[in-house]
Amino acid sequence: MKVTIERSALSKALGHVQSVVERRNTIPILSNVLLQADGGALTLTATDLDIEISEEAPADVSTKGATTVSALTLFEIVKRLPDGAQVRLELSGDDGRLQVSSGRSQFALAVLPEDDFPSLSTDDLETRFSMPTADLRRLLGKARFAMSQEETRYYLNGVYLHAHDGDAPALRAAATDGHRLARIDAPLPDGAGAMPGVIVPRKAIAELTRLLEDAEENVEIAVSPAKIRFGFGAGYLTSKLIDGSFPDYERVIPKGNANVLRVETKDFSQAVDRVSTVSADRTRSVKLALEADRLRLTVNNPEAGSALEELSVDYGGDPLEIGFNARYLLDVAQQVDGETATFKLADPSSPTVILDEEDERALYVLMPLRV
């Protein structure tokens, strides 16, 4: 293998694929990136056996071939080369190492055989469709904060993607950790109506969110009950899915909350952030006291002190006191695009629905705390 590639193209592709590599591996080849030079391009692939990311970069291929080399080491070398540099990669037959050279810099890196590099089979991806990158970015970006971090509830450690057949058919993303819920809809793409409901794991969501920042206008998606693949033109991400049943989240979304509160999103989030500075680390609780067109935010922490702030709001419901985790309130507020957020409340012990006035396809639910 002998190939010359521009430093920025190699750095970008390496940056995308190497992040999936676990820093500590008991299987040495999983620390490596697969390099395949052929047909005017260098294809880079990395995997942790659950996720596989591959990207193609334009290159001048003198001799086609393939090998694997430490993903982190190659990435750190390329990152430190000057902008605009040409990087030459050559697999030497003499010492079996990958020669990396650019200008006066030369490196000889240990390799492992490309035949030993594992691959995720994708022969069974029967449901295939395309959707705008912006729609997928929105679905995942607004839902991911509600994913669970508890390994014991593994079926909540991801985003549930499924086709929703309602008045307006949609591709729906849902995530919950039992304390909060995000439900986001996007227009249902052609061909997506038959897709199985799948849970995309947390690590895949993180990698995918990063890749979507540089993705082209459309993403090609292929799904089976066990795997999902997202294609980005010159690259793709394939992931195994969480083998479990996502709960019937619609049951926890209240339908009759009659007390409606409208707040200026920015003012509200800043006030919550200020008063929460003295809240207890464990609960982060803040109490909302509502009466006609007035909201009082209070925190009482015997160890750190207390805080109080008042806001003028649009509220005509019954007087109500209810507590929430401040971090959860702020997380939801960050997802609200509009200037105004709408809270639909029932009583101090019932779930609260939060809506975005500028995004009717987004809905959030928060469970209250005792304060």
Protein backbone atom coordinates (compact mmCIF):
# COMPACT_ATOMS: atom_id res chain seq x y z
CA MET A 1 0.00 0.00 0.00
CA LYS A 2 1.28 3.43 -0.96
CA VAL A 3 -0.90 6.52 -0.76
CA THR A 4 -0.52 10.30 -0.48
CA ILE A 5 -3.25 12.34 1.15
CA GLU A 6 -3.75 15.95 2.21
CA ARG A 7 -3.33 16.39 5.95
CA SER A 8 -6.72 18.08 6.60
CA ALA A 9 -8.65 15.36 4.72
CA LEU A 10 -6.89 12.63 6.68
CA SER A 11 -7.30 14.46 9.98
CA LYS A 12 -11.02 15.01 9.43
CA ALA A 13 -11.69 11.37 8.54
CA LEU A 14 -9.54 10.10 11.41
CA GLY A 15 -11.27 12.44 13.82
CA HIS A 16 -14.63 10.99 12.83
CA VAL A 17 -13.72 7.30 13.06
CA GLN A 18 -11.15 7.08 15.88
CA SER A 19 -13.51 8.35 18.58
CA VAL A 20 -15.38 5.04 18.58
CA VAL A 21 -12.18 3.22 19.62
CA GLU A 22 -12.04 2.32 23.32
CA ARG A 23 -8.81 3.51 24.93
CA ARG A 24 -8.43 0.28 26.91
CA ASN A 25 -8.90 -2.87 24.90
CA THR A 26 -8.26 -6.50 25.70
CA ILE A 27 -8.42 -7.23 21.95
CA PRO A 28 -5.45 -5.37 20.40
CA ILE A 29 -6.88 -4.96 16.91
CA LEU A 30 -9.86 -3.03 18.28
CA SER A 31 -7.40 -0.23 19.09
CA ASN A 32 -6.57 0.01 15.39
CA VAL A 33 -8.09 1.75 12.41
CA LEU A 34 -8.45 -0.17 9.15
CA LEU A 35 -6.85 1.66 6.20
CA GLN A 36 -7.92 0.62 2.69
CA ALA A 37 -6.39 2.39 -0.31
CA ASP A 38 -8.05 1.85 -3.66
CA GLY A 39 -9.62 3.76 -6.57
CA GLY A 40 -8.43 7.26 -5.71
CA ALA A 41 -9.54 7.16 -2.07
CA LEU A 42 -8.42 6.06 1.37
CA THR A 43 -11.16 4.43 3.44
CA LEU A 44 -10.78 4.46 7.22
CA THR A 45 -12.83 2.17 9.48
CA ALA A 46 -12.92 1.74 13.26
CA THR A 47 -15.11 -0.42 15.51
CA ASP A 48 -15.68 -1.48 19.11
CA LEU A 49 -17.75 -4.53 17.98
CA ASP A 50 -20.99 -2.67 18.78
CA ILE A 51 -20.48 0.38 16.57
CA GLU A 52 -18.61 0.68 13.29
CA ILE A 53 -17.72 4.01 11.65
CA SER A 54 -16.22 4.27 8.18
CA GLU A 55 -15.28 7.29 6.08
CA GLU A 56 -13.71 7.75 2.67
CA ALA A 57 -11.22 10.54 1.93
CA PRO A 58 -9.82 11.52 -1.48
CA ALA A 59 -6.21 10.45 -1.94
CA ASP A 60 -3.54 9.74 -4.55
CA VAL A 61 -3.22 5.96 -4.49
CA SER A 62 0.04 4.73 -6.04
CA THR A 63 -0.33 1.16 -4.82
CA LYS A 64 -3.59 -0.18 -3.51
CA GLY A 65 -3.64 -2.24 -0.34
CA ALA A 66 -4.83 -2.39 3.25
CA THR A 67 -3.56 -2.64 6.81
CA THR A 68 -4.49 -1.66 10.37
CA VAL A 69 -2.60 0.72 12.66
CA SER A 70 -3.17 2.30 16.07
CA ALA A 71 -6.02 4.78 15.59
CA LEU A 72 -4.97 7.05 18.45
CA THR A 73 -1.29 7.14 17.48
CA LEU A 74 -1.97 7.95 13.84
CA PHE A 75 -4.53 10.59 14.82
CA GLU A 76 -2.10 12.28 17.23
CA ILE A 77 0.65 12.31 14.57
CA VAL A 78 -1.58 13.77 11.85
CA LYS A 79 -3.05 16.34 14.24
CA ARG A 80 0.44 17.71 14.91
CA LEU A 81 1.47 18.07 11.27
CA PRO A 82 1.31 21.56 9.71
CA ASP A 83 -1.77 22.70 7.79
CA GLY A 84 -1.61 21.98 4.08
CA ALA A 85 0.97 19.22 4.50
CA GLN A 86 0.94 16.15 2.28
CA VAL A 87 1.05 12.87 4.21
CA ARG A 88 2.45 9.71 2.66
CA LEU A 89 1.43 6.31 4.02
CA GLU A 90 3.43 3.33 2.80
CA LEU A 91 3.29 -0.24 4.02
CA SER A 92 6.86 -1.47 3.98
CA GLY A 93 7.51 -5.05 2.99
CA ASP A 94 10.91 -5.00 4.68
CA ASP A 95 9.97 -4.48 8.31
CA GLY A 96 6.18 -4.87 8.12
CA ARG A 97 5.56 -1.39 9.48
CA LEU A 98 3.50 1.53 8.18
CA GLN A 99 5.79 4.35 7.14
CA VAL A 100 4.17 7.74 7.78
CA SER A 101 6.06 10.70 6.36
CA SER A 102 5.41 14.38 5.78
CA GLY A 103 8.14 16.90 4.99
CA ARG A 104 11.03 16.06 7.30
CA SER A 105 8.87 14.05 9.71
CA GLN A 106 9.02 10.27 9.51
CA PHE A 107 7.34 7.60 11.63
CA ALA A 108 7.29 3.81 11.47
CA LEU A 109 4.18 2.35 13.11
CA ALA A 110 3.42 -1.23 14.10
CA VAL A 111 0.55 -2.84 12.18
CA LEU A 112 -1.78 -5.83 12.49
CA PRO A 113 -3.20 -7.84 9.56
CA GLU A 114 -6.29 -6.37 7.93
CA ASP A 115 -7.81 -9.86 7.68
CA ASP A 116 -8.13 -9.93 11.48
CA PHE A 117 -10.15 -6.72 11.56
CA PRO A 118 -13.80 -7.45 12.56
CA SER A 119 -16.75 -6.19 10.54
CA LEU A 120 -20.43 -5.71 11.45
CA SER A 121 -22.59 -7.61 9.00
CA THR A 122 -25.35 -5.53 7.39
CA ASP A 123 -26.95 -8.06 5.05
CA ASP A 124 -30.28 -8.05 6.93
CA LEU A 125 -31.04 -4.30 6.86
CA GLU A 126 -34.38 -4.61 5.07
CA THR A 127 -36.04 -1.24 5.83
CA ARG A 128 -34.31 1.59 3.96
CA PHE A 129 -35.19 5.26 3.65
CA SER A 130 -33.67 8.72 3.35
CA MET A 131 -34.36 11.81 5.45
CA PRO A 132 -33.02 15.38 5.73
CA THR A 133 -29.98 15.65 7.97
CA ALA A 134 -31.56 18.62 9.77
CA ASP A 135 -34.58 16.50 10.76
CA LEU A 136 -32.44 13.69 12.18
CA ARG A 137 -30.17 16.17 13.98
CA ARG A 138 -33.23 17.76 15.57
CA LEU A 139 -34.78 14.42 16.61
CA LEU A 140 -31.66 13.19 18.37
CA GLY A 141 -30.50 16.57 19.67
CA LYS A 142 -33.78 17.29 21.46
CA ALA A 143 -34.30 13.76 22.83
CA ARG A 144 -30.87 12.60 23.94
CA PHE A 145 -30.73 14.58 27.22
CA ALA A 146 -33.48 12.36 28.67
CA MET A 147 -31.64 9.05 28.12
CA SER A 148 -31.00 7.04 31.26
CA GLN A 149 -27.49 6.60 32.68
CA GLU A 150 -28.43 3.57 34.80
CA GLU A 151 -26.93 0.38 33.40
CA THR A 152 -29.48 -1.75 35.27
CA ARG A 153 -32.26 -0.25 33.12
CA TYR A 154 -30.38 -0.94 29.91
CA TYR A 155 -33.48 -0.61 27.72
CA LEU A 156 -33.62 3.10 28.63
CA ASN A 157 -29.95 3.71 27.73
CA GLY A 158 -30.75 5.06 24.29
CA VAL A 159 -33.24 6.79 22.02
CA TYR A 160 -36.32 4.90 20.84
CA LEU A 161 -36.84 5.54 17.10
CA HIS A 162 -40.10 4.38 15.54
CA ALA A 163 -42.79 5.23 13.03
CA HIS A 164 -45.86 6.79 14.64
CA ASP A 165 -49.13 6.33 12.81
CA GLY A 166 -51.38 9.14 14.00
CA ASP A 167 -53.22 12.10 12.52
CA ALA A 168 -49.88 13.24 11.12
CA PRO A 169 -47.61 10.20 10.49
CA ALA A 170 -44.20 10.84 11.96
CA LEU A 171 -40.79 9.42 12.64
CA ARG A 172 -40.67 9.72 16.41
CA ALA A 173 -37.76 9.81 18.85
CA ALA A 174 -38.47 9.16 22.52
CA ALA A 175 -36.14 8.97 25.51
CA THR A 176 -36.74 8.72 29.24
CA ASP A 177 -34.89 7.95 32.45
CA GLY A 178 -38.03 7.53 34.53
CA HIS A 179 -37.87 11.10 35.84
CA ARG A 180 -38.22 12.98 32.55
CA LEU A 181 -39.37 12.22 29.04
CA ALA A 182 -38.68 13.74 25.63
CA ARG A 183 -40.92 12.97 22.64
CA ILE A 184 -39.92 14.54 19.33
CA ASP A 185 -41.59 14.09 15.91
CA ALA A 186 -40.35 14.68 12.37
CA PRO A 187 -42.17 14.15 9.06
CA LEU A 188 -42.28 10.43 8.24
CA PRO A 189 -39.88 9.74 5.34
CA ASP A 190 -41.03 7.65 2.39
CA GLY A 191 -40.31 4.00 3.14
CA ALA A 192 -40.03 4.46 6.91
CA GLY A 193 -43.57 3.40 7.75
CA ALA A 194 -42.62 -0.27 8.01
CA MET A 195 -39.52 0.20 10.16
CA PRO A 196 -39.42 -1.72 13.43
CA GLY A 197 -39.26 0.28 16.64
CA VAL A 198 -35.58 0.29 17.64
CA ILE A 199 -33.54 1.55 20.60
CA VAL A 200 -30.31 3.20 19.42
CA PRO A 201 -27.73 3.00 22.25
CA ARG A 202 -26.30 6.03 24.02
CA LYS A 203 -22.77 5.75 22.58
CA ALA A 204 -24.10 5.47 19.04
CA ILE A 205 -26.27 8.56 19.62
CA ALA A 206 -23.22 10.51 20.81
CA GLU A 207 -21.12 9.46 17.79
CA LEU A 208 -23.99 10.08 15.38
CA THR A 209 -24.66 13.56 16.77
CA ARG A 210 -21.03 14.47 16.13
CA LEU A 211 -21.06 13.06 12.60
CA LEU A 212 -24.25 14.93 11.72
CA GLU A 213 -22.45 18.24 12.21
CA ASP A 214 -20.52 17.68 8.96
CA ALA A 215 -23.09 15.54 7.13
CA GLU A 216 -24.58 16.37 3.75
CA GLU A 217 -28.21 17.33 3.13
CA ASN A 218 -29.66 13.81 3.43
CA VAL A 219 -28.91 10.76 5.55
CA GLU A 220 -29.53 7.25 4.23
CA ILE A 221 -30.91 4.99 6.96
CA ALA A 222 -31.18 1.20 6.90
CA VAL A 223 -32.78 -0.73 9.76
CA SER A 224 -33.29 -4.29 10.97
CA PRO A 225 -34.49 -5.50 14.38
CA ALA A 226 -30.84 -5.93 15.43
CA LYS A 227 -28.84 -3.19 13.65
CA ILE A 228 -29.13 0.29 12.15
CA ARG A 229 -26.92 2.07 9.61
CA PHE A 230 -26.70 5.80 8.91
CA GLY A 231 -25.03 6.74 5.63
CA PHE A 232 -23.46 10.17 5.04
CA GLY A 233 -22.28 10.06 1.44
CA ALA A 234 -18.58 9.36 1.97
CA GLY A 235 -19.10 7.57 5.28
CA TYR A 236 -21.46 5.59 7.47
CA LEU A 237 -22.12 4.55 11.06
CA THR A 238 -23.44 1.08 11.82
CA SER A 239 -24.61 0.17 15.32
CA LYS A 240 -26.07 -2.79 17.10
CA LEU A 241 -29.38 -1.99 18.78
CA ILE A 242 -30.40 -2.45 22.40
CA ASP A 243 -32.19 -5.77 22.72
CA GLY A 244 -35.12 -4.85 24.93
CA SER A 245 -38.63 -3.43 25.00
CA PHE A 246 -39.04 0.32 25.39
CA PRO A 247 -41.84 1.15 27.85
CA ASP A 248 -45.23 2.47 26.74
CA TYR A 249 -44.25 6.08 27.32
CA GLU A 250 -47.61 7.46 26.13
CA ARG A 251 -49.16 6.22 29.39
CA VAL A 252 -47.16 8.72 31.46
CA ILE A 253 -48.06 11.76 29.34
CA PRO A 254 -50.96 13.46 31.15
CA LYS A 255 -53.85 14.63 29.01
CA GLY A 256 -55.90 16.76 31.42
CA ASN A 257 -53.47 19.15 33.14
CA ALA A 258 -55.60 22.28 33.42
CA ASN A 259 -53.19 24.78 35.02
CA VAL A 260 -51.33 26.51 32.19
CA LEU A 261 -48.18 28.55 32.82
CA ARG A 262 -46.37 30.52 30.13
CA VAL A 263 -42.88 31.83 30.86
CA GLU A 264 -40.17 33.64 28.95
CA THR A 265 -37.73 30.78 28.39
CA LYS A 266 -34.53 32.78 28.84
CA ASP A 267 -35.69 34.62 31.96
CA PHE A 268 -36.99 31.42 33.51
CA SER A 269 -33.83 29.37 32.89
CA GLN A 270 -31.60 32.15 34.21
CA ALA A 271 -33.71 32.45 37.37
CA VAL A 272 -33.64 28.68 37.95
CA ASP A 273 -29.88 28.68 37.43
CA ARG A 274 -29.39 31.48 39.96
CA VAL A 275 -31.50 30.07 42.79
CA SER A 276 -30.15 26.52 42.30
CA THR A 277 -26.66 27.64 43.30
CA VAL A 278 -27.61 27.01 46.95
CA SER A 279 -29.61 23.81 46.36
CA ALA A 280 -28.51 20.49 47.82
CA ASP A 281 -26.19 18.58 45.49
CA ARG A 282 -28.20 15.37 45.77
CA THR A 283 -31.70 16.61 44.93
CA ARG A 284 -31.01 19.98 43.25
CA SER A 285 -34.62 20.77 44.18
CA VAL A 286 -36.28 24.10 43.48
CA LYS A 287 -39.87 24.99 44.45
CA LEU A 288 -42.18 26.80 42.07
CA ALA A 289 -45.01 28.71 43.79
CA LEU A 290 -47.69 29.89 41.36
CA GLU A 291 -50.49 32.39 41.74
CA ALA A 292 -52.13 34.87 39.38
CA ASP A 293 -49.45 36.01 36.89
CA ARG A 294 -46.65 35.50 39.39
CA LEU A 295 -44.05 32.78 39.88
CA ARG A 296 -41.84 32.51 42.96
CA LEU A 297 -38.77 30.30 42.75
CA THR A 298 -37.38 29.25 46.12
CA VAL A 299 -34.62 27.01 47.42
CA ASN A 300 -34.07 26.15 51.08
CA ASN A 301 -30.91 24.29 51.99
CA PRO A 302 -30.16 24.11 55.74
CA GLU A 303 -26.44 23.73 55.01
CA ALA A 304 -25.92 26.38 52.31
CA GLY A 305 -28.74 28.88 52.81
CA SER A 306 -31.81 29.93 50.87
CA ALA A 307 -32.72 31.74 47.65
CA LEU A 308 -35.82 33.48 46.33
CA GLU A 309 -36.65 35.02 42.96
CA GLU A 310 -39.92 36.27 41.49
CA LEU A 311 -40.97 36.37 37.85
CA SER A 312 -43.93 37.95 36.10
CA VAL A 313 -45.61 35.20 34.09
CA ASP A 314 -48.81 34.36 32.27
CA TYR A 315 -50.74 32.17 34.71
CA GLY A 316 -54.45 32.10 35.50
CA GLY A 317 -54.80 28.69 37.13
CA ASP A 318 -55.25 27.64 40.74
CA PRO A 319 -52.54 28.58 43.29
CA LEU A 320 -49.99 25.77 43.21
CA GLU A 321 -46.66 24.81 44.76
CA ILE A 322 -44.58 22.16 43.02
CA GLY A 323 -40.94 21.10 43.15
CA PHE A 324 -38.55 20.00 40.39
CA ASN A 325 -34.94 19.03 39.95
CA ALA A 326 -33.29 22.27 38.77
CA ARG A 327 -30.94 20.43 36.42
CA TYR A 328 -33.91 18.79 34.69
CA LEU A 329 -35.68 22.13 34.31
CA LEU A 330 -32.57 23.64 32.72
CA ASP A 331 -32.09 20.67 30.41
CA VAL A 332 -35.62 21.06 29.06
CA ALA A 333 -35.28 24.82 28.75
CA GLN A 334 -32.19 24.32 26.58
CA GLN A 335 -34.30 22.35 24.09
CA VAL A 336 -36.94 25.07 23.74
CA ASP A 337 -36.35 27.11 20.60
CA GLY A 338 -39.15 29.62 21.13
CA GLU A 339 -39.06 32.65 23.39
CA THR A 340 -41.94 31.19 25.42
CA ALA A 341 -42.31 27.80 27.11
CA THR A 342 -45.70 26.45 28.18
CA PHE A 343 -46.09 24.34 31.33
CA LYS A 344 -49.24 22.31 31.82
CA LEU A 345 -49.59 21.36 35.48
CA ALA A 346 -52.10 19.39 37.56
CA ASP A 347 -50.98 19.10 41.21
CA PRO A 348 -47.75 18.81 43.23
CA SER A 349 -47.44 15.04 42.70
CA SER A 350 -48.44 14.65 39.03
CA PRO A 351 -46.28 14.84 35.90
CA THR A 352 -45.98 18.22 34.20
CA VAL A 353 -46.02 18.67 30.42
CA ILE A 354 -43.72 21.29 28.85
CA LEU A 355 -44.27 22.53 25.30
CA ASP A 356 -42.31 24.75 22.92
CA GLU A 357 -44.49 27.41 21.32
CA GLU A 358 -42.34 27.39 18.17
CA ASP A 359 -42.08 23.60 17.84
CA GLU A 360 -45.42 21.85 18.16
CA ARG A 361 -43.80 18.48 17.41
CA ALA A 362 -41.73 18.56 20.62
CA LEU A 363 -43.11 17.53 24.01
CA TYR A 364 -41.41 17.05 27.37
CA VAL A 365 -42.61 15.57 30.66
CA LEU A 366 -41.09 16.14 34.09
CA MET A 367 -41.88 14.27 37.29
CA PRO A 368 -42.06 16.56 40.34
CA LEU A 369 -40.06 16.32 43.55
CA ARG A 370 -41.31 16.63 47.11
CA VAL A 371 -40.12 19.93 48.56
